[in-house]
């Protein structure tokens, strides 16, 4: 009986951190259907991303109107979304319960964006 319980618990285990190539199911479980706040100093206040499992990417900040864009997985760790008529490619560098790091290809450069998992309630910070 105890062994059966341990076997079931092992099957439902989701690791705290998934690295690219460590299994797309683990990476996807950590990234999708969560709200991620951009922690970069150069990000507009309250910038967030939410990669929804229905293929919708929600993007907004405290100073911008929201945007809904289609997105999809390309492989284990790479994803793509549409923005202003062009495809934006990103790679999950790190995915954890509280942290997400994306390498995003923009024109001729790749930028790294760090996000933290949002915990409700969240209100836009004051814009001073």
Foldseek 3Di string as FASTA:
>chain_A
DVVVVVVVVVVPDADQKDAFPNFLVNQCVQQAPFKWFWPDPPDAFAWIWHCYPVQWIWTDHPPGDIDIWGKDAPDSFKIWIDDPRDIKIWGFRMGGNFKTWIFIDDPPHTDIIIITTDDPPDDTDDDD
